[in-house]
Amino acid sequence: MELVLLGERPLAQAALLNFNSDPDHLVIDAARLTFACPLDLAGIVATANWAAAASMPVTLKMPVDPNAASYLQRMDVIQLMPPRIDLVGRMPVDARTDLRNRLLEVTPINPSNVDSVQERLGRLIDAFYAEHSVAAGRRVSTACGELLDNAVTHGSSPTGAFIAAQTYTGTTTEGPRFEVAVCDTGIGVRAHLRNNPRYRLIPHDRAALSTALKAGTSGVGDDRGNGLSDLVSRTRHHGDLRFEMRSGHAEITVVGSPTHCEQKTLDRQDETAGTWAWLSHWIAPSE
């Protein structure tokens, strides 16, 4: 298998896990990576550890771009690679400053540490939104709590889950924003929903993702499942929102603002082992 990461934000754009190459060996080719977002970071680590758990050898080709290579090192991607990984390319010096108010390095999450991870993430969110909107920060923090809870309950697995987050000033892009990604290696959305007799016959991953974002959806047989629906509806009232979730052979993308919300669900050519969720939130100009 091969995952080729080209240019900027490849996993957030068009990068696919290619199963046509050696099925018993995972190669993550980041040689031409130039910029990585939280989804790229957490996704690389989750994919590598999922493959290693299946007894596959893993190769990581480091970025040629020195800034991209240093960023993978700084965000603990290299540290969280599985044991005995084959690293190809130059390893940058691990020189770092304290940026706890701007980013959360890739971090494993499990039931025993999820509360401490939530606290670290909460401090990052508070520091960022204090300059813009405390109310928006509260909504985003609640949304992140939902993603973390899902990862350690519905998405629990021996390999675990991984989170990464960063804030951006937006001086050279689309304005101030916060991004977080949570990538688990669990059973996936469809299998989880099928625990509820109401959804036992759900036909495919695309339908499962659409169902998961509806109010009242739960895989535990009651009507308490409003978390993802609330995540979208409440967070978008405080700025522009992009929320993407991948599981199995499908993905769903929600783009929203205080005045509109659009949703699109697509089949994917590859397969996501578990569930990947990626939230981007831009501060509303009036906030």
C-alpha atoms as a PDB file:
ATOM      1  CA  MET A   1       0.000   0.000   0.000  1.00  0.00           C
ATOM      2  CA  GLU A   2       1.153   3.520  -0.700  1.00  0.00           C
ATOM      3  CA  LEU A   3       0.059   6.913   0.576  1.00  0.00           C
ATOM      4  CA  VAL A   4       1.577   9.700  -1.512  1.00  0.00           C
ATOM      5  CA  LEU A   5       1.465  13.152   0.090  1.00  0.00           C
ATOM      6  CA  LEU A   6       2.012  15.958  -2.412  1.00  0.00           C
ATOM      7  CA  GLY A   7       2.098  19.708  -1.842  1.00  0.00           C
ATOM      8  CA  GLU A   8      -0.099  21.396   0.749  1.00  0.00           C
ATOM      9  CA  ARG A   9      -2.684  19.701   2.982  1.00  0.00           C
ATOM     10  CA  PRO A  10      -2.730  16.494   0.904  1.00  0.00           C
ATOM     11  CA  LEU A  11      -4.959  14.361   3.133  1.00  0.00           C
ATOM     12  CA  ALA A  12      -7.397  17.244   3.365  1.00  0.00           C
ATOM     13  CA  GLN A  13      -7.407  17.522  -0.413  1.00  0.00           C
ATOM     14  CA  ALA A  14      -7.079  14.513  -2.697  1.00  0.00           C
ATOM     15  CA  ALA A  15      -4.530  12.050  -1.288  1.00  0.00           C
ATOM     16  CA  LEU A  16      -5.754   8.448  -1.293  1.00  0.00           C
ATOM     17  CA  LEU A  17      -4.391   5.252   0.189  1.00  0.00           C
ATOM     18  CA  ASN A  18      -3.449   3.166  -2.856  1.00  0.00           C
ATOM     19  CA  PHE A  19      -4.101  -0.547  -2.345  1.00  0.00           C
ATOM     20  CA  ASN A  20      -2.768  -1.530  -5.797  1.00  0.00           C
ATOM     21  CA  SER A  21       0.845  -1.661  -4.627  1.00  0.00           C
ATOM     22  CA  ASP A  22       2.289  -4.222  -2.176  1.00  0.00           C
ATOM     23  CA  PRO A  23      -0.638  -5.069   0.156  1.00  0.00           C
ATOM     24  CA  ASP A  24       1.716  -6.255   2.893  1.00  0.00           C
ATOM     25  CA  HIS A  25       3.848  -3.113   3.155  1.00  0.00           C
ATOM     26  CA  LEU A  26       2.785   0.486   3.823  1.00  0.00           C
ATOM     27  CA  VAL A  27       4.833   3.265   2.240  1.00  0.00           C
ATOM     28  CA  ILE A  28       3.982   6.831   3.290  1.00  0.00           C
ATOM     29  CA  ASP A  29       5.699   8.993   0.698  1.00  0.00           C
ATOM     30  CA  ALA A  30       5.907  12.527   2.091  1.00  0.00           C
ATOM     31  CA  ALA A  31       8.970  13.486   0.038  1.00  0.00           C
ATOM     32  CA  ARG A  32       7.067  16.197  -1.822  1.00  0.00           C
ATOM     33  CA  LEU A  33       4.997  17.414   1.126  1.00  0.00           C
ATOM     34  CA  THR A  34       5.257  21.195   1.587  1.00  0.00           C
ATOM     35  CA  PHE A  35       2.591  21.990   4.218  1.00  0.00           C
ATOM     36  CA  ALA A  36       0.617  19.796   6.628  1.00  0.00           C
ATOM     37  CA  CYS A  37      -2.595  20.585   8.499  1.00  0.00           C
ATOM     38  CA  PRO A  38      -3.840  18.762  11.632  1.00  0.00           C
ATOM     39  CA  LEU A  39      -5.678  16.178   9.507  1.00  0.00           C
ATOM     40  CA  ASP A  40      -2.459  15.335   7.672  1.00  0.00           C
ATOM     41  CA  LEU A  41      -0.533  15.010  10.928  1.00  0.00           C
ATOM     42  CA  ALA A  42      -3.010  12.854  12.836  1.00  0.00           C
ATOM     43  CA  GLY A  43      -3.861  10.885   9.695  1.00  0.00           C
ATOM     44  CA  ILE A  44      -0.244   9.965   8.981  1.00  0.00           C
ATOM     45  CA  VAL A  45       0.238   8.678  12.522  1.00  0.00           C
ATOM     46  CA  ALA A  46      -3.083   6.805  12.615  1.00  0.00           C
ATOM     47  CA  THR A  47      -2.437   5.141   9.254  1.00  0.00           C
ATOM     48  CA  ALA A  48       1.088   4.078  10.192  1.00  0.00           C
ATOM     49  CA  ASN A  49       0.033   2.622  13.531  1.00  0.00           C
ATOM     50  CA  TRP A  50      -2.982   0.862  12.001  1.00  0.00           C
ATOM     51  CA  ALA A  51      -0.697  -0.809   9.452  1.00  0.00           C
ATOM     52  CA  ALA A  52       1.862  -1.788  12.093  1.00  0.00           C
ATOM     53  CA  ALA A  53      -0.896  -3.332  14.218  1.00  0.00           C
ATOM     54  CA  ALA A  54      -1.712  -5.502  11.195  1.00  0.00           C
ATOM     55  CA  SER A  55       1.949  -6.661  11.145  1.00  0.00           C
ATOM     56  CA  MET A  56       2.844  -4.620   8.072  1.00  0.00           C
ATOM     57  CA  PRO A  57       6.292  -3.062   7.756  1.00  0.00           C
ATOM     58  CA  VAL A  58       6.010   0.720   7.443  1.00  0.00           C
ATOM     59  CA  THR A  59       8.243   3.095   5.494  1.00  0.00           C
ATOM     60  CA  LEU A  60       8.089   6.881   5.853  1.00  0.00           C
ATOM     61  CA  LYS A  61       9.835   8.982   3.221  1.00  0.00           C
ATOM     62  CA  MET A  62      10.642  12.305   4.859  1.00  0.00           C
ATOM     63  CA  PRO A  63       9.871  15.620   3.121  1.00  0.00           C
ATOM     64  CA  VAL A  64      12.660  17.128   1.058  1.00  0.00           C
ATOM     65  CA  ASP A  65      11.387  20.580   2.048  1.00  0.00           C
ATOM     66  CA  PRO A  66      13.285  21.346   5.294  1.00  0.00           C
ATOM     67  CA  ASN A  67      10.393  23.342   6.758  1.00  0.00           C
ATOM     68  CA  ALA A  68       7.926  20.515   6.172  1.00  0.00           C
ATOM     69  CA  ALA A  69      10.356  17.971   7.628  1.00  0.00           C
ATOM     70  CA  SER A  70      10.940  20.132  10.701  1.00  0.00           C
ATOM     71  CA  TYR A  71       7.198  20.556  11.155  1.00  0.00           C
ATOM     72  CA  LEU A  72       6.612  16.786  11.182  1.00  0.00           C
ATOM     73  CA  GLN A  73       9.318  16.532  13.820  1.00  0.00           C
ATOM     74  CA  ARG A  74       7.957  19.486  15.821  1.00  0.00           C
ATOM     75  CA  MET A  75       4.421  18.053  15.837  1.00  0.00           C
ATOM     76  CA  ASP A  76       5.643  14.667  17.137  1.00  0.00           C
ATOM     77  CA  VAL A  77       4.747  12.742  13.978  1.00  0.00           C
ATOM     78  CA  ILE A  78       8.159  11.041  13.972  1.00  0.00           C
ATOM     79  CA  GLN A  79       8.025  10.271  17.683  1.00  0.00           C
ATOM     80  CA  LEU A  80       4.654   8.519  17.323  1.00  0.00           C
ATOM     81  CA  MET A  81       5.588   6.372  14.365  1.00  0.00           C
ATOM     82  CA  PRO A  82       5.429   2.643  15.187  1.00  0.00           C
ATOM     83  CA  PRO A  83       8.597   0.838  16.323  1.00  0.00           C
ATOM     84  CA  ARG A  84      11.053  -0.367  13.692  1.00  0.00           C
ATOM     85  CA  ILE A  85       9.749   2.004  11.034  1.00  0.00           C
ATOM     86  CA  ASP A  86      11.993   2.540   8.019  1.00  0.00           C
ATOM     87  CA  LEU A  87      12.699   6.285   7.824  1.00  0.00           C
ATOM     88  CA  VAL A  88      14.024   7.479   4.477  1.00  0.00           C
ATOM     89  CA  GLY A  89      15.566  10.943   4.199  1.00  0.00           C
ATOM     90  CA  ARG A  90      17.192  13.501   6.439  1.00  0.00           C
ATOM     91  CA  MET A  91      16.001  13.737  10.025  1.00  0.00           C
ATOM     92  CA  PRO A  92      15.812  17.378  11.204  1.00  0.00           C
ATOM     93  CA  VAL A  93      17.091  18.539  14.558  1.00  0.00           C
ATOM     94  CA  ASP A  94      14.300  18.518  17.134  1.00  0.00           C
ATOM     95  CA  ALA A  95      14.558  22.177  18.176  1.00  0.00           C
ATOM     96  CA  ARG A  96      11.342  23.600  19.569  1.00  0.00           C
ATOM     97  CA  THR A  97       9.931  26.516  21.522  1.00  0.00           C
ATOM     98  CA  ASP A  98       6.916  26.538  23.813  1.00  0.00           C
ATOM     99  CA  LEU A  99       3.871  27.042  21.561  1.00  0.00           C
ATOM    100  CA  ARG A 100       1.232  25.509  23.819  1.00  0.00           C
ATOM    101  CA  ASN A 101      -1.086  28.484  23.183  1.00  0.00           C
ATOM    102  CA  ARG A 102      -0.897  27.947  19.423  1.00  0.00           C
ATOM    103  CA  LEU A 103      -0.814  24.214  18.797  1.00  0.00           C
ATOM    104  CA  LEU A 104      -1.350  20.746  20.179  1.00  0.00           C
ATOM    105  CA  GLU A 105       1.169  18.237  18.892  1.00  0.00           C
ATOM    106  CA  VAL A 106      -0.083  14.877  17.650  1.00  0.00           C
ATOM    107  CA  THR A 107      -1.143  13.131  20.836  1.00  0.00           C
ATOM    108  CA  PRO A 108      -2.465   9.612  21.468  1.00  0.00           C
ATOM    109  CA  ILE A 109      -5.858   9.571  23.158  1.00  0.00           C
ATOM    110  CA  ASN A 110      -7.389   6.769  25.189  1.00  0.00           C
ATOM    111  CA  PRO A 111      -9.821   6.497  28.120  1.00  0.00           C
ATOM    112  CA  SER A 112      -7.048   7.002  30.678  1.00  0.00           C
ATOM    113  CA  ASN A 113      -5.713  10.308  29.307  1.00  0.00           C
ATOM    114  CA  VAL A 114      -8.663  11.844  27.477  1.00  0.00           C
ATOM    115  CA  ASP A 115      -9.461  14.259  30.318  1.00  0.00           C
ATOM    116  CA  SER A 116      -5.918  15.633  30.438  1.00  0.00           C
ATOM    117  CA  VAL A 117      -5.866  15.987  26.643  1.00  0.00           C
ATOM    118  CA  GLN A 118      -9.175  17.858  26.828  1.00  0.00           C
ATOM    119  CA  GLU A 119      -7.658  20.209  29.415  1.00  0.00           C
ATOM    120  CA  ARG A 120      -4.625  20.934  27.217  1.00  0.00           C
ATOM    121  CA  LEU A 121      -6.838  21.527  24.217  1.00  0.00           C
ATOM    122  CA  GLY A 122      -9.141  23.712  26.287  1.00  0.00           C
ATOM    123  CA  ARG A 123      -6.268  25.994  27.284  1.00  0.00           C
ATOM    124  CA  LEU A 124      -5.267  26.329  23.632  1.00  0.00           C
ATOM    125  CA  ILE A 125      -8.833  27.201  22.637  1.00  0.00           C
ATOM    126  CA  ASP A 126      -9.237  29.666  25.504  1.00  0.00           C
ATOM    127  CA  ALA A 127      -6.016  31.466  24.586  1.00  0.00           C
ATOM    128  CA  PHE A 128      -7.029  31.785  20.934  1.00  0.00           C
ATOM    129  CA  TYR A 129     -10.670  32.772  21.360  1.00  0.00           C
ATOM    130  CA  ALA A 130      -9.996  35.176  24.232  1.00  0.00           C
ATOM    131  CA  GLU A 131      -8.802  37.607  21.564  1.00  0.00           C
ATOM    132  CA  HIS A 132     -11.965  37.152  19.506  1.00  0.00           C
ATOM    133  CA  SER A 133     -15.042  35.631  21.185  1.00  0.00           C
ATOM    134  CA  VAL A 134     -15.281  33.766  24.476  1.00  0.00           C
ATOM    135  CA  ALA A 135     -18.724  32.454  23.481  1.00  0.00           C
ATOM    136  CA  ALA A 136     -17.323  30.998  20.266  1.00  0.00           C
ATOM    137  CA  GLY A 137     -14.511  29.402  22.236  1.00  0.00           C
ATOM    138  CA  ARG A 138     -16.984  27.671  24.537  1.00  0.00           C
ATOM    139  CA  ARG A 139     -18.849  26.208  21.552  1.00  0.00           C
ATOM    140  CA  VAL A 140     -15.660  25.023  19.900  1.00  0.00           C
ATOM    141  CA  SER A 141     -14.414  23.490  23.148  1.00  0.00           C
ATOM    142  CA  THR A 142     -17.686  21.575  23.506  1.00  0.00           C
ATOM    143  CA  ALA A 143     -17.378  20.386  19.909  1.00  0.00           C
ATOM    144  CA  CYS A 144     -13.858  19.118  20.563  1.00  0.00           C
ATOM    145  CA  GLY A 145     -15.089  17.307  23.656  1.00  0.00           C
ATOM    146  CA  GLU A 146     -17.623  15.473  21.499  1.00  0.00           C
ATOM    147  CA  LEU A 147     -14.936  14.382  19.037  1.00  0.00           C
ATOM    148  CA  LEU A 148     -12.671  13.179  21.846  1.00  0.00           C
ATOM    149  CA  ASP A 149     -15.477  11.281  23.552  1.00  0.00           C
ATOM    150  CA  ASN A 150     -16.452   9.571  20.304  1.00  0.00           C
ATOM    151  CA  ALA A 151     -12.855   8.516  19.684  1.00  0.00           C
ATOM    152  CA  VAL A 152     -12.408   6.800  23.057  1.00  0.00           C
ATOM    153  CA  THR A 153     -15.861   5.180  23.141  1.00  0.00           C
ATOM    154  CA  HIS A 154     -17.275   4.421  19.673  1.00  0.00           C
ATOM    155  CA  GLY A 155     -13.798   4.515  18.096  1.00  0.00           C
ATOM    156  CA  SER A 156     -11.887   2.625  20.761  1.00  0.00           C
ATOM    157  CA  SER A 157      -9.325   0.092  19.517  1.00  0.00           C
ATOM    158  CA  PRO A 158      -6.004  -1.426  20.665  1.00  0.00           C
ATOM    159  CA  THR A 159      -4.179   0.940  18.292  1.00  0.00           C
ATOM    160  CA  GLY A 160      -5.971   3.943  19.741  1.00  0.00           C
ATOM    161  CA  ALA A 161      -6.720   7.369  18.343  1.00  0.00           C
ATOM    162  CA  PHE A 162      -4.704  10.507  17.682  1.00  0.00           C
ATOM    163  CA  ILE A 163      -5.438  14.226  17.855  1.00  0.00           C
ATOM    164  CA  ALA A 164      -3.669  17.318  16.523  1.00  0.00           C
ATOM    165  CA  ALA A 165      -4.714  20.969  16.622  1.00  0.00           C
ATOM    166  CA  GLN A 166      -3.411  24.371  15.614  1.00  0.00           C
ATOM    167  CA  THR A 167      -4.506  27.984  15.491  1.00  0.00           C
ATOM    168  CA  TYR A 168      -3.712  30.272  12.568  1.00  0.00           C
ATOM    169  CA  THR A 169      -3.540  34.063  12.588  1.00  0.00           C
ATOM    170  CA  GLY A 170      -4.791  34.234   9.019  1.00  0.00           C
ATOM    171  CA  THR A 171      -2.588  37.164   8.086  1.00  0.00           C
ATOM    172  CA  THR A 172      -1.697  35.503   4.789  1.00  0.00           C
ATOM    173  CA  THR A 173      -4.758  33.269   4.357  1.00  0.00           C
ATOM    174  CA  GLU A 174      -8.494  33.360   5.052  1.00  0.00           C
ATOM    175  CA  GLY A 175      -8.534  34.996   8.475  1.00  0.00           C
ATOM    176  CA  PRO A 176      -8.058  33.688  12.031  1.00  0.00           C
ATOM    177  CA  ARG A 177      -9.055  30.054  12.403  1.00  0.00           C
ATOM    178  CA  PHE A 178      -8.784  27.013  14.626  1.00  0.00           C
ATOM    179  CA  GLU A 179      -8.302  23.491  13.274  1.00  0.00           C
ATOM    180  CA  VAL A 180      -8.471  20.148  15.038  1.00  0.00           C
ATOM    181  CA  ALA A 181      -8.393  16.581  13.741  1.00  0.00           C
ATOM    182  CA  VAL A 182      -9.156  13.361  15.591  1.00  0.00           C
ATOM    183  CA  CYS A 183      -8.319  10.107  13.800  1.00  0.00           C
ATOM    184  CA  ASP A 184      -9.254   6.803  15.406  1.00  0.00           C
ATOM    185  CA  THR A 185      -8.702   3.235  14.219  1.00  0.00           C
ATOM    186  CA  GLY A 186     -11.875   1.723  15.650  1.00  0.00           C
ATOM    187  CA  ILE A 187     -14.825  -0.078  14.083  1.00  0.00           C
ATOM    188  CA  GLY A 188     -16.067   2.897  12.081  1.00  0.00           C
ATOM    189  CA  VAL A 189     -19.376   4.746  11.935  1.00  0.00           C
ATOM    190  CA  ARG A 190     -21.408   2.125  10.094  1.00  0.00           C
ATOM    191  CA  ALA A 191     -20.477  -0.739  12.419  1.00  0.00           C
ATOM    192  CA  HIS A 192     -21.119   1.434  15.460  1.00  0.00           C
ATOM    193  CA  LEU A 193     -24.586   2.477  14.296  1.00  0.00           C
ATOM    194  CA  ARG A 194     -25.468  -1.137  13.571  1.00  0.00           C
ATOM    195  CA  ASN A 195     -25.312  -1.799  17.315  1.00  0.00           C
ATOM    196  CA  ASN A 196     -28.688  -0.052  17.370  1.00  0.00           C
ATOM    197  CA  PRO A 197     -31.439  -2.277  15.865  1.00  0.00           C
ATOM    198  CA  ARG A 198     -32.886   0.816  14.202  1.00  0.00           C
ATOM    199  CA  TYR A 199     -29.811   1.097  11.979  1.00  0.00           C
ATOM    200  CA  ARG A 200     -28.912  -2.577  11.597  1.00  0.00           C
ATOM    201  CA  LEU A 201     -29.798  -2.549   7.900  1.00  0.00           C
ATOM    202  CA  ILE A 202     -28.017   0.694   7.052  1.00  0.00           C
ATOM    203  CA  PRO A 203     -26.783  -0.111   3.527  1.00  0.00           C
ATOM    204  CA  HIS A 204     -23.388   1.574   3.136  1.00  0.00           C
ATOM    205  CA  ASP A 205     -20.866   3.978   4.657  1.00  0.00           C
ATOM    206  CA  ARG A 206     -22.260   7.006   2.851  1.00  0.00           C
ATOM    207  CA  ALA A 207     -25.681   6.450   4.419  1.00  0.00           C
ATOM    208  CA  ALA A 208     -24.081   5.827   7.812  1.00  0.00           C
ATOM    209  CA  LEU A 209     -22.263   9.170   7.775  1.00  0.00           C
ATOM    210  CA  SER A 210     -25.390  11.061   6.722  1.00  0.00           C
ATOM    211  CA  THR A 211     -27.336   9.356   9.498  1.00  0.00           C
ATOM    212  CA  ALA A 212     -24.657  10.090  12.102  1.00  0.00           C
ATOM    213  CA  LEU A 213     -25.085  13.839  11.618  1.00  0.00           C
ATOM    214  CA  LYS A 214     -28.842  13.762  12.216  1.00  0.00           C
ATOM    215  CA  ALA A 215     -30.225  14.724  15.612  1.00  0.00           C
ATOM    216  CA  GLY A 216     -31.242  11.752  17.730  1.00  0.00           C
ATOM    217  CA  THR A 217     -28.887   9.268  16.071  1.00  0.00           C
ATOM    218  CA  SER A 218     -27.206   6.837  18.443  1.00  0.00           C
ATOM    219  CA  GLY A 219     -25.542   3.469  18.246  1.00  0.00           C
ATOM    220  CA  VAL A 220     -26.616   2.555  21.779  1.00  0.00           C
ATOM    221  CA  GLY A 221     -30.345   2.143  21.278  1.00  0.00           C
ATOM    222  CA  ASP A 222     -31.735   5.454  22.565  1.00  0.00           C
ATOM    223  CA  ASP A 223     -32.247   8.992  21.283  1.00  0.00           C
ATOM    224  CA  ARG A 224     -29.337  10.680  23.053  1.00  0.00           C
ATOM    225  CA  GLY A 225     -27.189  11.019  19.946  1.00  0.00           C
ATOM    226  CA  ASN A 226     -27.254  14.754  19.281  1.00  0.00           C
ATOM    227  CA  GLY A 227     -23.530  15.367  19.646  1.00  0.00           C
ATOM    228  CA  LEU A 228     -22.461  15.677  16.005  1.00  0.00           C
ATOM    229  CA  SER A 229     -25.665  17.464  15.049  1.00  0.00           C
ATOM    230  CA  ASP A 230     -25.115  19.982  17.847  1.00  0.00           C
ATOM    231  CA  LEU A 231     -21.442  20.301  16.914  1.00  0.00           C
ATOM    232  CA  VAL A 232     -22.426  21.669  13.523  1.00  0.00           C
ATOM    233  CA  SER A 233     -25.519  23.675  14.438  1.00  0.00           C
ATOM    234  CA  ARG A 234     -24.035  25.489  17.437  1.00  0.00           C
ATOM    235  CA  THR A 235     -20.489  26.080  16.245  1.00  0.00           C
ATOM    236  CA  ARG A 236     -21.479  27.645  12.919  1.00  0.00           C
ATOM    237  CA  HIS A 237     -23.422  30.394  14.696  1.00  0.00           C
ATOM    238  CA  HIS A 238     -20.087  31.879  15.784  1.00  0.00           C
ATOM    239  CA  GLY A 239     -18.285  31.917  12.453  1.00  0.00           C
ATOM    240  CA  ASP A 240     -17.633  29.893   9.332  1.00  0.00           C
ATOM    241  CA  LEU A 241     -17.380  26.159   9.793  1.00  0.00           C
ATOM    242  CA  ARG A 242     -16.014  23.249   7.814  1.00  0.00           C
ATOM    243  CA  PHE A 243     -16.506  19.811   9.305  1.00  0.00           C
ATOM    244  CA  GLU A 244     -15.398  16.641   7.558  1.00  0.00           C
ATOM    245  CA  MET A 245     -15.766  13.057   8.660  1.00  0.00           C
ATOM    246  CA  ARG A 246     -14.427   9.945   6.922  1.00  0.00           C
ATOM    247  CA  SER A 247     -15.163   6.335   7.686  1.00  0.00           C
ATOM    248  CA  GLY A 248     -14.962   3.208   5.587  1.00  0.00           C
ATOM    249  CA  HIS A 249     -15.498   4.014   1.927  1.00  0.00           C
ATOM    250  CA  ALA A 250     -17.185   7.402   2.354  1.00  0.00           C
ATOM    251  CA  GLU A 251     -16.789  10.957   3.577  1.00  0.00           C
ATOM    252  CA  ILE A 252     -19.168  13.731   4.544  1.00  0.00           C
ATOM    253  CA  THR A 253     -18.398  17.452   4.442  1.00  0.00           C
ATOM    254  CA  VAL A 254     -20.444  20.199   6.084  1.00  0.00           C
ATOM    255  CA  VAL A 255     -19.792  23.850   5.259  1.00  0.00           C
ATOM    256  CA  GLY A 256     -21.717  26.329   7.373  1.00  0.00           C
ATOM    257  CA  SER A 257     -21.980  29.907   8.587  1.00  0.00           C
ATOM    258  CA  PRO A 258     -24.448  31.823  10.758  1.00  0.00           C
ATOM    259  CA  THR A 259     -26.758  32.141   7.734  1.00  0.00           C
ATOM    260  CA  HIS A 260     -26.439  28.896   5.759  1.00  0.00           C
ATOM    261  CA  CYS A 261     -25.349  25.271   5.912  1.00  0.00           C
ATOM    262  CA  GLU A 262     -24.554  22.816   3.126  1.00  0.00           C
ATOM    263  CA  GLN A 263     -23.782  19.125   3.364  1.00  0.00           C
ATOM    264  CA  LYS A 264     -22.229  16.765   0.821  1.00  0.00           C
ATOM    265  CA  THR A 265     -21.607  13.034   1.113  1.00  0.00           C
ATOM    266  CA  LEU A 266     -19.332  11.152  -1.284  1.00  0.00           C
ATOM    267  CA  ASP A 267     -17.961   7.675  -1.841  1.00  0.00           C
ATOM    268  CA  ARG A 268     -14.180   7.351  -1.569  1.00  0.00           C
ATOM    269  CA  GLN A 269     -11.931   5.148  -3.662  1.00  0.00           C
ATOM    270  CA  ASP A 270      -9.880   4.162  -0.624  1.00  0.00           C
ATOM    271  CA  GLU A 271     -10.945   2.956   2.817  1.00  0.00           C
ATOM    272  CA  THR A 272     -10.528   4.776   6.120  1.00  0.00           C
ATOM    273  CA  ALA A 273      -9.876   2.346   8.950  1.00  0.00           C
ATOM    274  CA  GLY A 274     -11.964   3.756  11.789  1.00  0.00           C
ATOM    275  CA  THR A 275     -13.217   7.343  11.749  1.00  0.00           C
ATOM    276  CA  TRP A 276     -11.416  10.573  10.942  1.00  0.00           C
ATOM    277  CA  ALA A 277     -12.967  13.900  11.934  1.00  0.00           C
ATOM    278  CA  TRP A 278     -11.617  17.326  11.015  1.00  0.00           C
ATOM    279  CA  LEU A 279     -13.056  20.625  12.234  1.00  0.00           C
ATOM    280  CA  SER A 280     -12.023  24.065  10.969  1.00  0.00           C
ATOM    281  CA  HIS A 281     -13.597  27.183  12.475  1.00  0.00           C
ATOM    282  CA  TRP A 282     -13.103  30.760  11.292  1.00  0.00           C
ATOM    283  CA  ILE A 283     -13.918  33.658  13.583  1.00  0.00           C
ATOM    284  CA  ALA A 284     -16.968  35.649  12.496  1.00  0.00           C
ATOM    285  CA  PRO A 285     -15.995  39.253  11.595  1.00  0.00           C
ATOM    286  CA  SER A 286     -18.498  40.615  14.115  1.00  0.00           C
ATOM    287  CA  GLU A 287     -17.241  38.411  16.956  1.00  0.00           C
END
